[in-house]
Every structure is written in structure tokens, then in C-alpha cells.
Amino acid sequence: MTNSYVLRNIVFGVLALLVMFVSGCSKEPIKLTSASIVTDLDKGSGNFDRVLKICFDKPLKSDYYHKIVIVTNDNFKFSGEGVLRPLASAPDSLCHLRNIYLYINKSSPVDARQLIKDFIVPGNVKQLLVQVYNQEPEGKELPISERVFNDL
């Protein structure tokens, strides 16, 4: 192999990495428009009787990370987080449906499922905070979109 061949391959490799890096970091700005608690999706299983509907100003084209905090009128506070994927909803849909039970994690109360069932119902949610990030925050990164929804 000649030096020019090796150098050319290194240059092309570096350029390819730069293109991947730059294109991977640029995501469209998005804006939260509405949110609601949906209870009529379940067909008797009990697994989809509490769903969070989060809507944006345009369909998502990339993965985003989000955090939620729900406070009910009974002062039950519940939080969770996860990835919002464009393929998780219908194509060109402005809204994402997230099963609230999937937010249960190791720091949730032992009886979190029953508490969600009892307290997180339409008309009983005092506040819902939704924060959206480009990727999972590692420190004190600010969300790219954030909104508090009241009286859901």
C-alpha cells in the first residue's frame, strides 16, 4: 500500500465520522402543544386503562427523551421518564400515546400500579409537567421543550 492510499482512507474515514456526528446531533426543534389522560383505550385487559397522550406542533422525526411529573388533586405525585420514538405512533401523527404504567420504576411506591389506577384519572390531575430533551440528560441540561398542563 502506498502512503497516499492510506492517507486517503484515513481522510475519508474522518470525514465519514464527522458527517455522522454532525447529522446525529441536529434534531428539529419541537414544541409541546397539549397533553391529556386517556382511559378508553383498554379492551378489558387492564393494561391500557391509563394512557398519557402527549402532542407536539409537528410529527417527531427523531428519538427524544422526556420526563413527566404528575400531581393529582389528592396530592399523589408520580414521575417517570423514557424515550419518545417517531415509530411508536402512527406516521405523521402529532401525538404520542404512553402507557402510564410503563413509567413505574424501582423508585416508584410499592403499590404504584394501584395508586395510578385510583388517582390518575381525567379530572383528578392538578398538574402535569412534561420536559423533552434531545437525549437523556446526564447532568443539569435544560429541556428543549417544557410545559405544565393544569386541570386535566
C-alpha atoms as a PDB file:
ATOM      1  CA  MET A   1       0.000   0.000   0.000  1.00  0.00           C
ATOM      2  CA  THR A   2       1.185   3.466  -0.757  1.00  0.00           C
ATOM      3  CA  ASN A   3       1.208   6.326   1.668  1.00  0.00           C
ATOM      4  CA  SER A   4      -1.288   8.279  -0.438  1.00  0.00           C
ATOM      5  CA  TYR A   5      -3.728   5.330  -0.383  1.00  0.00           C
ATOM      6  CA  VAL A   6      -3.529   5.062   3.414  1.00  0.00           C
ATOM      7  CA  LEU A   7      -3.804   8.829   3.857  1.00  0.00           C
ATOM      8  CA  ARG A   8      -6.818   8.975   1.542  1.00  0.00           C
ATOM      9  CA  ASN A   9      -8.586   6.220   3.518  1.00  0.00           C
ATOM     10  CA  ILE A  10      -7.889   7.993   6.795  1.00  0.00           C
ATOM     11  CA  VAL A  11      -9.246  11.287   5.413  1.00  0.00           C
ATOM     12  CA  PHE A  12     -12.403   9.586   4.106  1.00  0.00           C
ATOM     13  CA  GLY A  13     -12.862   7.812   7.431  1.00  0.00           C
ATOM     14  CA  VAL A  14     -12.547  11.051   9.395  1.00  0.00           C
ATOM     15  CA  LEU A  15     -14.960  12.815   7.028  1.00  0.00           C
ATOM     16  CA  ALA A  16     -17.490   9.993   7.381  1.00  0.00           C
ATOM     17  CA  LEU A  17     -17.272  10.209  11.179  1.00  0.00           C
ATOM     18  CA  LEU A  18     -17.731  13.984  11.078  1.00  0.00           C
ATOM     19  CA  VAL A  19     -20.800  13.690   8.843  1.00  0.00           C
ATOM     20  CA  MET A  20     -22.316  11.058  11.153  1.00  0.00           C
ATOM     21  CA  PHE A  21     -21.528  13.160  14.219  1.00  0.00           C
ATOM     22  CA  VAL A  22     -22.973  16.390  12.804  1.00  0.00           C
ATOM     23  CA  SER A  23     -26.089  14.761  11.378  1.00  0.00           C
ATOM     24  CA  GLY A  24     -26.693  12.798  14.607  1.00  0.00           C
ATOM     25  CA  CYS A  25     -26.646  15.884  16.791  1.00  0.00           C
ATOM     26  CA  SER A  26     -29.033  18.014  14.815  1.00  0.00           C
ATOM     27  CA  LYS A  27     -32.664  17.406  15.664  1.00  0.00           C
ATOM     28  CA  GLU A  28     -35.623  19.509  14.708  1.00  0.00           C
ATOM     29  CA  PRO A  29     -36.847  21.808  17.470  1.00  0.00           C
ATOM     30  CA  ILE A  30     -40.225  20.664  18.747  1.00  0.00           C
ATOM     31  CA  LYS A  31     -42.892  22.296  20.849  1.00  0.00           C
ATOM     32  CA  LEU A  32     -45.347  20.651  23.245  1.00  0.00           C
ATOM     33  CA  THR A  33     -48.921  21.659  22.408  1.00  0.00           C
ATOM     34  CA  SER A  34     -51.223  19.566  24.603  1.00  0.00           C
ATOM     35  CA  ALA A  35     -51.499  16.600  26.936  1.00  0.00           C
ATOM     36  CA  SER A  36     -54.327  14.542  28.361  1.00  0.00           C
ATOM     37  CA  ILE A  37     -55.104  11.364  30.303  1.00  0.00           C
ATOM     38  CA  VAL A  38     -56.838   8.746  28.151  1.00  0.00           C
ATOM     39  CA  THR A  39     -58.799   5.934  29.780  1.00  0.00           C
ATOM     40  CA  ASP A  40     -60.854   4.470  26.923  1.00  0.00           C
ATOM     41  CA  LEU A  41     -58.159   2.513  25.049  1.00  0.00           C
ATOM     42  CA  ASP A  42     -58.342  -0.606  27.218  1.00  0.00           C
ATOM     43  CA  LYS A  43     -60.313  -3.531  25.839  1.00  0.00           C
ATOM     44  CA  GLY A  44     -60.633  -5.372  29.150  1.00  0.00           C
ATOM     45  CA  SER A  45     -57.023  -6.299  29.889  1.00  0.00           C
ATOM     46  CA  GLY A  46     -56.432  -3.536  32.447  1.00  0.00           C
ATOM     47  CA  ASN A  47     -53.060  -2.755  30.872  1.00  0.00           C
ATOM     48  CA  PHE A  48     -54.141   0.283  28.841  1.00  0.00           C
ATOM     49  CA  ASP A  49     -56.658   1.936  31.138  1.00  0.00           C
ATOM     50  CA  ARG A  50     -54.233   4.797  31.942  1.00  0.00           C
ATOM     51  CA  VAL A  51     -52.513   6.357  28.943  1.00  0.00           C
ATOM     52  CA  LEU A  52     -50.810   9.713  28.630  1.00  0.00           C
ATOM     53  CA  LYS A  53     -51.391  11.481  25.326  1.00  0.00           C
ATOM     54  CA  ILE A  54     -48.607  13.981  24.571  1.00  0.00           C
ATOM     55  CA  CYS A  55     -48.996  16.178  21.461  1.00  0.00           C
ATOM     56  CA  PHE A  56     -46.457  18.271  19.569  1.00  0.00           C
ATOM     57  CA  ASP A  57     -46.565  21.001  16.927  1.00  0.00           C
ATOM     58  CA  LYS A  58     -45.253  18.579  14.278  1.00  0.00           C
ATOM     59  CA  PRO A  59     -44.612  14.843  13.946  1.00  0.00           C
ATOM     60  CA  LEU A  60     -41.393  13.629  15.553  1.00  0.00           C
ATOM     61  CA  LYS A  61     -38.648  12.737  13.076  1.00  0.00           C
ATOM     62  CA  SER A  62     -36.054  11.635  15.672  1.00  0.00           C
ATOM     63  CA  ASP A  63     -35.910   9.999  19.078  1.00  0.00           C
ATOM     64  CA  TYR A  64     -36.311  12.372  22.027  1.00  0.00           C
ATOM     65  CA  TYR A  65     -36.041  11.772  25.756  1.00  0.00           C
ATOM     66  CA  HIS A  66     -38.764  13.010  28.087  1.00  0.00           C
ATOM     67  CA  LYS A  67     -39.607  13.291  31.755  1.00  0.00           C
ATOM     68  CA  ILE A  68     -43.038  13.663  33.294  1.00  0.00           C
ATOM     69  CA  VAL A  69     -44.307  14.618  36.743  1.00  0.00           C
ATOM     70  CA  ILE A  70     -47.996  14.179  37.561  1.00  0.00           C
ATOM     71  CA  VAL A  71     -49.577  15.740  40.649  1.00  0.00           C
ATOM     72  CA  THR A  72     -53.186  14.829  41.388  1.00  0.00           C
ATOM     73  CA  ASN A  73     -55.796  16.816  43.316  1.00  0.00           C
ATOM     74  CA  ASP A  74     -55.206  14.308  46.157  1.00  0.00           C
ATOM     75  CA  ASN A  75     -51.503  15.306  46.193  1.00  0.00           C
ATOM     76  CA  PHE A  76     -50.340  11.954  44.827  1.00  0.00           C
ATOM     77  CA  LYS A  77     -47.133  12.707  42.927  1.00  0.00           C
ATOM     78  CA  PHE A  78     -45.844  10.353  40.260  1.00  0.00           C
ATOM     79  CA  SER A  79     -42.882  10.768  37.905  1.00  0.00           C
ATOM     80  CA  GLY A  80     -41.249   8.860  35.105  1.00  0.00           C
ATOM     81  CA  GLU A  81     -39.148   9.165  32.004  1.00  0.00           C
ATOM     82  CA  GLY A  82     -38.299   7.465  28.749  1.00  0.00           C
ATOM     83  CA  VAL A  83     -37.685   7.738  25.040  1.00  0.00           C
ATOM     84  CA  LEU A  84     -40.230   9.066  22.571  1.00  0.00           C
ATOM     85  CA  ARG A  85     -39.727   7.339  19.224  1.00  0.00           C
ATOM     86  CA  PRO A  86     -41.240   8.516  15.920  1.00  0.00           C
ATOM     87  CA  LEU A  87     -42.200   4.955  15.002  1.00  0.00           C
ATOM     88  CA  ALA A  88     -44.129   4.482  18.255  1.00  0.00           C
ATOM     89  CA  SER A  89     -47.106   6.379  16.835  1.00  0.00           C
ATOM     90  CA  ALA A  90     -48.943   6.477  13.540  1.00  0.00           C
ATOM     91  CA  PRO A  91     -46.938   8.084  10.717  1.00  0.00           C
ATOM     92  CA  ASP A  92     -47.285  11.863  10.687  1.00  0.00           C
ATOM     93  CA  SER A  93     -49.160  11.792  13.998  1.00  0.00           C
ATOM     94  CA  LEU A  94     -48.743  14.842  16.201  1.00  0.00           C
ATOM     95  CA  CYS A  95     -49.500  12.858  19.366  1.00  0.00           C
ATOM     96  CA  HIS A  96     -47.829  10.015  21.223  1.00  0.00           C
ATOM     97  CA  LEU A  97     -49.669   7.606  23.490  1.00  0.00           C
ATOM     98  CA  ARG A  98     -47.630   6.446  26.500  1.00  0.00           C
ATOM     99  CA  ASN A  99     -48.879   3.777  28.880  1.00  0.00           C
ATOM    100  CA  ILE A 100     -48.546   5.391  32.322  1.00  0.00           C
ATOM    101  CA  TYR A 101     -47.818   2.019  33.952  1.00  0.00           C
ATOM    102  CA  LEU A 102     -44.593   1.833  31.925  1.00  0.00           C
ATOM    103  CA  TYR A 103     -43.259   4.792  33.930  1.00  0.00           C
ATOM    104  CA  ILE A 104     -43.180   2.609  37.068  1.00  0.00           C
ATOM    105  CA  ASN A 105     -39.576   2.072  38.130  1.00  0.00           C
ATOM    106  CA  LYS A 106     -37.531   0.992  41.145  1.00  0.00           C
ATOM    107  CA  SER A 107     -38.061   4.344  42.892  1.00  0.00           C
ATOM    108  CA  SER A 108     -41.865   4.185  42.485  1.00  0.00           C
ATOM    109  CA  PRO A 109     -44.026   3.295  45.502  1.00  0.00           C
ATOM    110  CA  VAL A 110     -44.618  -0.436  46.034  1.00  0.00           C
ATOM    111  CA  ASP A 111     -48.296  -0.106  45.154  1.00  0.00           C
ATOM    112  CA  ALA A 112     -47.719   2.333  42.249  1.00  0.00           C
ATOM    113  CA  ARG A 113     -49.975   0.460  39.812  1.00  0.00           C
ATOM    114  CA  GLN A 114     -52.974   0.671  42.144  1.00  0.00           C
ATOM    115  CA  LEU A 115     -52.205   4.305  43.020  1.00  0.00           C
ATOM    116  CA  ILE A 116     -52.136   5.176  39.309  1.00  0.00           C
ATOM    117  CA  LYS A 117     -55.423   3.339  38.801  1.00  0.00           C
ATOM    118  CA  ASP A 118     -57.047   5.129  41.765  1.00  0.00           C
ATOM    119  CA  PHE A 119     -55.699   8.660  41.381  1.00  0.00           C
ATOM    120  CA  ILE A 120     -54.504   9.358  37.836  1.00  0.00           C
ATOM    121  CA  VAL A 121     -57.881   9.738  36.175  1.00  0.00           C
ATOM    122  CA  PRO A 122     -59.285  12.507  33.964  1.00  0.00           C
ATOM    123  CA  GLY A 123     -60.486  15.384  36.120  1.00  0.00           C
ATOM    124  CA  ASN A 124     -58.195  14.492  39.043  1.00  0.00           C
ATOM    125  CA  VAL A 125     -54.844  15.656  37.632  1.00  0.00           C
ATOM    126  CA  LYS A 126     -53.923  19.039  39.065  1.00  0.00           C
ATOM    127  CA  GLN A 127     -50.659  19.406  37.133  1.00  0.00           C
ATOM    128  CA  LEU A 128     -48.658  17.551  34.542  1.00  0.00           C
ATOM    129  CA  LEU A 129     -45.110  18.675  33.814  1.00  0.00           C
ATOM    130  CA  VAL A 130     -43.606  17.400  30.550  1.00  0.00           C
ATOM    131  CA  GLN A 131     -39.963  18.062  29.697  1.00  0.00           C
ATOM    132  CA  VAL A 132     -38.438  16.988  26.375  1.00  0.00           C
ATOM    133  CA  TYR A 133     -34.705  16.643  25.737  1.00  0.00           C
ATOM    134  CA  ASN A 134     -32.656  15.830  22.639  1.00  0.00           C
ATOM    135  CA  GLN A 135     -31.166  12.897  24.551  1.00  0.00           C
ATOM    136  CA  GLU A 136     -31.147  11.532  28.080  1.00  0.00           C
ATOM    137  CA  PRO A 137     -29.791  14.297  30.314  1.00  0.00           C
ATOM    138  CA  GLU A 138     -26.557  13.457  32.094  1.00  0.00           C
ATOM    139  CA  GLY A 139     -26.445  16.457  34.365  1.00  0.00           C
ATOM    140  CA  LYS A 140     -28.341  19.709  34.509  1.00  0.00           C
ATOM    141  CA  GLU A 141     -29.119  20.092  30.806  1.00  0.00           C
ATOM    142  CA  LEU A 142     -32.114  22.254  30.059  1.00  0.00           C
ATOM    143  CA  PRO A 143     -35.053  20.723  28.182  1.00  0.00           C
ATOM    144  CA  ILE A 144     -35.599  21.760  24.575  1.00  0.00           C
ATOM    145  CA  SER A 145     -39.336  21.951  25.281  1.00  0.00           C
ATOM    146  CA  GLU A 146     -41.137  22.137  28.599  1.00  0.00           C
ATOM    147  CA  ARG A 147     -44.711  22.769  29.586  1.00  0.00           C
ATOM    148  CA  VAL A 148     -47.008  22.496  32.597  1.00  0.00           C
ATOM    149  CA  PHE A 149     -50.565  21.409  31.880  1.00  0.00           C
ATOM    150  CA  ASN A 150     -53.169  22.163  34.544  1.00  0.00           C
ATOM    151  CA  ASP A 151     -56.533  20.614  35.440  1.00  0.00           C
ATOM    152  CA  LEU A 152     -56.518  17.554  33.219  1.00  0.00           C
END
